[in-house]
Amino acid sequence: NPWRVAVDVVVLSDAGSVVEAVSKAVWAAVRAVRLPRLVFYAGDAGESPEVEVDEDPSHCARLNVENLPVYVNVAKLGDRFVVDPTSEEEACASSDVLVAVDKSGKIRALQKRGKAGLSVDEIMEAVGIAVTTGTETIRRLEATLDAEDAARESAEAPEETELLVWGS
């Protein structure tokens, strides 16, 4: 695959779990990418191959996001867990668990943060909440992007016109 994709993120406001917000934005951006098809032609001996970019948008390919996770932050506040805590909630939390979850619910990364400890049962509960939230987040992102794709495709489709033929 000749493509390399880099994502730069600029955070304009920090009102809570920045990692979580950025991961959702990156997931949606990567999912929306359409790469043009490339055709390679072998060059003569000692010459570099030639590359032709197919300009037909219907020949574009999408990146595979099946294993691309979103991050879910689950904070412990008293005896309850809060998903996607605000800055104030993060400041009051005794600890939190940051979990990267892919579309299938597979955990791709996990980080426990904060000074207070969590029991094994509390960690399992937080991870369960994160997996449910993460897979639902991806499902909703996909539904939204699929709806946008369908709307774009219907807007780009040429209108059918009726051909009137006059004559004998």
C-alpha atoms as a PDB file:
ATOM      1  CA  ASN A   1       0.000   0.000   0.000  1.00  0.00           C
ATOM      2  CA  PRO A   2       1.684   3.221  -1.150  1.00  0.00           C
ATOM      3  CA  TRP A   3      -0.363   5.532   1.034  1.00  0.00           C
ATOM      4  CA  ARG A   4       0.696   6.955   4.378  1.00  0.00           C
ATOM      5  CA  VAL A   5      -1.931   8.827   6.349  1.00  0.00           C
ATOM      6  CA  ALA A   6      -1.019  11.327   9.065  1.00  0.00           C
ATOM      7  CA  VAL A   7      -3.525  13.110  11.270  1.00  0.00           C
ATOM      8  CA  ASP A   8      -2.789  16.424  12.966  1.00  0.00           C
ATOM      9  CA  VAL A   9      -5.146  17.576  15.701  1.00  0.00           C
ATOM     10  CA  VAL A  10      -5.543  21.053  17.146  1.00  0.00           C
ATOM     11  CA  VAL A  11      -7.441  21.226  20.434  1.00  0.00           C
ATOM     12  CA  LEU A  12      -9.272  24.532  20.771  1.00  0.00           C
ATOM     13  CA  SER A  13     -10.986  23.857  24.079  1.00  0.00           C
ATOM     14  CA  ASP A  14     -10.465  21.443  26.950  1.00  0.00           C
ATOM     15  CA  ALA A  15     -13.788  20.734  28.604  1.00  0.00           C
ATOM     16  CA  GLY A  16     -13.062  17.171  29.643  1.00  0.00           C
ATOM     17  CA  SER A  17     -11.544  14.023  28.230  1.00  0.00           C
ATOM     18  CA  VAL A  18      -9.485  15.389  25.343  1.00  0.00           C
ATOM     19  CA  VAL A  19      -8.128  11.954  24.418  1.00  0.00           C
ATOM     20  CA  GLU A  20     -11.675  10.636  24.090  1.00  0.00           C
ATOM     21  CA  ALA A  21     -12.845  13.554  21.947  1.00  0.00           C
ATOM     22  CA  VAL A  22      -9.769  13.431  19.722  1.00  0.00           C
ATOM     23  CA  SER A  23     -10.062   9.667  19.219  1.00  0.00           C
ATOM     24  CA  LYS A  24     -13.664  10.045  18.004  1.00  0.00           C
ATOM     25  CA  ALA A  25     -12.707  12.843  15.615  1.00  0.00           C
ATOM     26  CA  VAL A  26      -9.737  10.885  14.273  1.00  0.00           C
ATOM     27  CA  TRP A  27     -11.842   7.727  13.879  1.00  0.00           C
ATOM     28  CA  ALA A  28     -14.468   9.622  11.880  1.00  0.00           C
ATOM     29  CA  ALA A  29     -11.844  11.395   9.771  1.00  0.00           C
ATOM     30  CA  VAL A  30      -9.975   8.184   8.945  1.00  0.00           C
ATOM     31  CA  ARG A  31     -13.259   6.388   8.172  1.00  0.00           C
ATOM     32  CA  ALA A  32     -14.244   9.197   5.795  1.00  0.00           C
ATOM     33  CA  VAL A  33     -10.979   9.111   3.818  1.00  0.00           C
ATOM     34  CA  ARG A  34     -11.266   7.987   0.222  1.00  0.00           C
ATOM     35  CA  LEU A  35      -8.013   7.163  -1.516  1.00  0.00           C
ATOM     36  CA  PRO A  36      -7.781   7.214  -5.303  1.00  0.00           C
ATOM     37  CA  ARG A  37      -6.791   4.025  -7.091  1.00  0.00           C
ATOM     38  CA  LEU A  38      -3.215   3.983  -8.326  1.00  0.00           C
ATOM     39  CA  VAL A  39      -2.059   2.131 -11.425  1.00  0.00           C
ATOM     40  CA  PHE A  40       1.645   1.269 -11.648  1.00  0.00           C
ATOM     41  CA  TYR A  41       3.448   0.749 -14.956  1.00  0.00           C
ATOM     42  CA  ALA A  42       6.867  -0.844 -15.017  1.00  0.00           C
ATOM     43  CA  GLY A  43       9.531   1.445 -16.364  1.00  0.00           C
ATOM     44  CA  ASP A  44      12.292   0.449 -18.715  1.00  0.00           C
ATOM     45  CA  ALA A  45      15.377  -1.183 -17.241  1.00  0.00           C
ATOM     46  CA  GLY A  46      16.920   1.175 -14.691  1.00  0.00           C
ATOM     47  CA  GLU A  47      13.960   3.567 -14.724  1.00  0.00           C
ATOM     48  CA  SER A  48      11.454   4.124 -11.971  1.00  0.00           C
ATOM     49  CA  PRO A  49       7.960   2.780 -12.533  1.00  0.00           C
ATOM     50  CA  GLU A  50       5.305   5.216 -13.637  1.00  0.00           C
ATOM     51  CA  VAL A  51       2.281   5.856 -11.460  1.00  0.00           C
ATOM     52  CA  GLU A  52      -1.100   6.926 -12.763  1.00  0.00           C
ATOM     53  CA  VAL A  53      -3.770   8.266 -10.410  1.00  0.00           C
ATOM     54  CA  ASP A  54      -7.286   7.220 -11.363  1.00  0.00           C
ATOM     55  CA  GLU A  55      -9.365  10.410 -11.145  1.00  0.00           C
ATOM     56  CA  ASP A  56     -12.737   8.639 -11.160  1.00  0.00           C
ATOM     57  CA  PRO A  57     -14.169   9.136  -7.644  1.00  0.00           C
ATOM     58  CA  SER A  58     -16.162   5.908  -7.921  1.00  0.00           C
ATOM     59  CA  HIS A  59     -12.862   3.991  -8.005  1.00  0.00           C
ATOM     60  CA  CYS A  60     -11.699   5.278  -4.627  1.00  0.00           C
ATOM     61  CA  ALA A  61     -11.018   2.916  -1.739  1.00  0.00           C
ATOM     62  CA  ARG A  62     -11.625   3.381   1.947  1.00  0.00           C
ATOM     63  CA  LEU A  63      -9.196   2.696   4.729  1.00  0.00           C
ATOM     64  CA  ASN A  64      -9.981  -0.313   6.895  1.00  0.00           C
ATOM     65  CA  VAL A  65     -11.070   0.924  10.331  1.00  0.00           C
ATOM     66  CA  GLU A  66     -12.150  -2.449  11.741  1.00  0.00           C
ATOM     67  CA  ASN A  67      -9.300  -2.420  14.288  1.00  0.00           C
ATOM     68  CA  LEU A  68      -9.147   1.346  14.805  1.00  0.00           C
ATOM     69  CA  PRO A  69     -10.266   2.081  18.374  1.00  0.00           C
ATOM     70  CA  VAL A  70     -11.978   4.956  20.069  1.00  0.00           C
ATOM     71  CA  TYR A  71     -10.941   5.847  23.601  1.00  0.00           C
ATOM     72  CA  VAL A  72     -13.427   5.851  26.449  1.00  0.00           C
ATOM     73  CA  ASN A  73     -12.605   7.483  29.775  1.00  0.00           C
ATOM     74  CA  VAL A  74     -14.432   6.047  32.786  1.00  0.00           C
ATOM     75  CA  ALA A  75     -13.865   7.992  36.018  1.00  0.00           C
ATOM     76  CA  LYS A  76     -14.589   6.820  39.566  1.00  0.00           C
ATOM     77  CA  LEU A  77     -16.550   9.453  41.524  1.00  0.00           C
ATOM     78  CA  GLY A  78     -17.442   8.205  44.973  1.00  0.00           C
ATOM     79  CA  ASP A  79     -19.065   4.829  44.451  1.00  0.00           C
ATOM     80  CA  ARG A  80     -20.165   5.538  40.854  1.00  0.00           C
ATOM     81  CA  PHE A  81     -18.540   5.603  37.441  1.00  0.00           C
ATOM     82  CA  VAL A  82     -18.869   8.502  34.999  1.00  0.00           C
ATOM     83  CA  VAL A  83     -18.212   8.172  31.267  1.00  0.00           C
ATOM     84  CA  ASP A  84     -16.499  11.068  29.465  1.00  0.00           C
ATOM     85  CA  PRO A  85     -16.058  13.169  32.604  1.00  0.00           C
ATOM     86  CA  THR A  86     -15.939  16.951  32.439  1.00  0.00           C
ATOM     87  CA  SER A  87     -12.846  18.791  33.704  1.00  0.00           C
ATOM     88  CA  GLU A  88     -14.562  19.314  37.058  1.00  0.00           C
ATOM     89  CA  GLU A  89     -15.493  15.633  37.336  1.00  0.00           C
ATOM     90  CA  GLU A  90     -11.939  14.596  36.415  1.00  0.00           C
ATOM     91  CA  ALA A  91     -10.592  16.871  39.169  1.00  0.00           C
ATOM     92  CA  CYS A  92     -12.911  15.222  41.722  1.00  0.00           C
ATOM     93  CA  ALA A  93     -12.350  11.648  40.533  1.00  0.00           C
ATOM     94  CA  SER A  94     -10.297   9.367  42.727  1.00  0.00           C
ATOM     95  CA  SER A  95      -9.091   7.523  39.623  1.00  0.00           C
ATOM     96  CA  ASP A  96     -10.085   6.742  36.080  1.00  0.00           C
ATOM     97  CA  VAL A  97      -9.601   4.092  33.451  1.00  0.00           C
ATOM     98  CA  LEU A  98      -8.882   5.023  29.832  1.00  0.00           C
ATOM     99  CA  VAL A  99      -9.795   2.169  27.489  1.00  0.00           C
ATOM    100  CA  ALA A 100      -9.268   1.918  23.716  1.00  0.00           C
ATOM    101  CA  VAL A 101     -12.047  -0.190  22.184  1.00  0.00           C
ATOM    102  CA  ASP A 102     -12.457  -1.272  18.555  1.00  0.00           C
ATOM    103  CA  LYS A 103     -15.639  -1.998  16.601  1.00  0.00           C
ATOM    104  CA  SER A 104     -15.823  -5.623  17.753  1.00  0.00           C
ATOM    105  CA  GLY A 105     -15.407  -4.663  21.412  1.00  0.00           C
ATOM    106  CA  LYS A 106     -11.812  -5.801  21.575  1.00  0.00           C
ATOM    107  CA  ILE A 107      -9.701  -3.846  24.056  1.00  0.00           C
ATOM    108  CA  ARG A 108      -6.714  -2.326  22.234  1.00  0.00           C
ATOM    109  CA  ALA A 109      -5.232  -0.406  25.177  1.00  0.00           C
ATOM    110  CA  LEU A 110      -5.979   0.242  28.828  1.00  0.00           C
ATOM    111  CA  GLN A 111      -4.527   2.752  31.257  1.00  0.00           C
ATOM    112  CA  LYS A 112      -5.476   3.239  34.904  1.00  0.00           C
ATOM    113  CA  ARG A 113      -4.836   6.780  36.082  1.00  0.00           C
ATOM    114  CA  GLY A 114      -5.195   8.598  39.386  1.00  0.00           C
ATOM    115  CA  LYS A 115      -3.814   8.099  42.852  1.00  0.00           C
ATOM    116  CA  ALA A 116      -6.485   5.866  44.350  1.00  0.00           C
ATOM    117  CA  GLY A 117      -6.536   2.155  43.732  1.00  0.00           C
ATOM    118  CA  LEU A 118      -9.356   0.208  42.166  1.00  0.00           C
ATOM    119  CA  SER A 119     -10.364  -3.326  43.027  1.00  0.00           C
ATOM    120  CA  VAL A 120     -10.391  -5.996  40.328  1.00  0.00           C
ATOM    121  CA  ASP A 121     -14.209  -5.857  40.350  1.00  0.00           C
ATOM    122  CA  GLU A 122     -14.159  -2.067  39.897  1.00  0.00           C
ATOM    123  CA  ILE A 123     -11.696  -2.313  37.012  1.00  0.00           C
ATOM    124  CA  MET A 124     -13.834  -5.003  35.357  1.00  0.00           C
ATOM    125  CA  GLU A 125     -16.945  -2.838  35.791  1.00  0.00           C
ATOM    126  CA  ALA A 126     -15.198   0.217  34.326  1.00  0.00           C
ATOM    127  CA  VAL A 127     -13.853  -1.801  31.402  1.00  0.00           C
ATOM    128  CA  GLY A 128     -17.318  -3.270  30.754  1.00  0.00           C
ATOM    129  CA  ILE A 129     -18.796   0.220  30.681  1.00  0.00           C
ATOM    130  CA  ALA A 130     -16.021   1.358  28.321  1.00  0.00           C
ATOM    131  CA  VAL A 131     -16.513  -1.570  25.927  1.00  0.00           C
ATOM    132  CA  THR A 132     -20.278  -0.990  25.748  1.00  0.00           C
ATOM    133  CA  THR A 133     -19.804   2.761  25.284  1.00  0.00           C
ATOM    134  CA  GLY A 134     -16.999   2.375  22.733  1.00  0.00           C
ATOM    135  CA  THR A 135     -18.803  -0.091  20.483  1.00  0.00           C
ATOM    136  CA  GLU A 136     -21.981   2.006  20.627  1.00  0.00           C
ATOM    137  CA  THR A 137     -19.964   5.137  19.803  1.00  0.00           C
ATOM    138  CA  ILE A 138     -18.460   3.462  16.734  1.00  0.00           C
ATOM    139  CA  ARG A 139     -21.891   2.154  15.663  1.00  0.00           C
ATOM    140  CA  ARG A 140     -23.315   5.696  15.875  1.00  0.00           C
ATOM    141  CA  LEU A 141     -20.336   7.224  14.074  1.00  0.00           C
ATOM    142  CA  GLU A 142     -20.719   4.668  11.271  1.00  0.00           C
ATOM    143  CA  ALA A 143     -24.467   5.299  10.983  1.00  0.00           C
ATOM    144  CA  THR A 144     -23.908   9.053  10.773  1.00  0.00           C
ATOM    145  CA  LEU A 145     -21.136   8.729   8.180  1.00  0.00           C
ATOM    146  CA  ASP A 146     -23.146   6.201   6.140  1.00  0.00           C
ATOM    147  CA  ALA A 147     -26.111   8.620   6.097  1.00  0.00           C
ATOM    148  CA  GLU A 148     -23.821  11.452   4.973  1.00  0.00           C
ATOM    149  CA  ASP A 149     -22.375   9.223   2.220  1.00  0.00           C
ATOM    150  CA  ALA A 150     -25.863   8.291   1.020  1.00  0.00           C
ATOM    151  CA  ALA A 151     -26.940  11.940   0.978  1.00  0.00           C
ATOM    152  CA  ARG A 152     -23.787  12.936  -0.916  1.00  0.00           C
ATOM    153  CA  GLU A 153     -24.223  10.132  -3.458  1.00  0.00           C
ATOM    154  CA  SER A 154     -27.867  11.014  -4.085  1.00  0.00           C
ATOM    155  CA  ALA A 155     -26.920  14.686  -4.515  1.00  0.00           C
ATOM    156  CA  GLU A 156     -24.185  13.743  -6.990  1.00  0.00           C
ATOM    157  CA  ALA A 157     -26.391  11.396  -9.015  1.00  0.00           C
ATOM    158  CA  PRO A 158     -27.512  12.986 -12.245  1.00  0.00           C
ATOM    159  CA  GLU A 159     -31.178  13.757 -12.410  1.00  0.00           C
ATOM    160  CA  GLU A 160     -33.144  11.627 -14.789  1.00  0.00           C
ATOM    161  CA  THR A 161     -34.568  13.698 -17.588  1.00  0.00           C
ATOM    162  CA  GLU A 162     -37.311  12.718 -19.942  1.00  0.00           C
ATOM    163  CA  LEU A 163     -36.377  12.812 -23.578  1.00  0.00           C
ATOM    164  CA  LEU A 164     -39.138  14.170 -25.743  1.00  0.00           C
ATOM    165  CA  VAL A 165     -38.974  13.343 -29.404  1.00  0.00           C
ATOM    166  CA  TRP A 166     -41.001  15.431 -31.805  1.00  0.00           C
ATOM    167  CA  GLY A 167     -41.677  14.278 -35.231  1.00  0.00           C
ATOM    168  CA  SER A 168     -43.794  12.126 -37.411  1.00  0.00           C
END
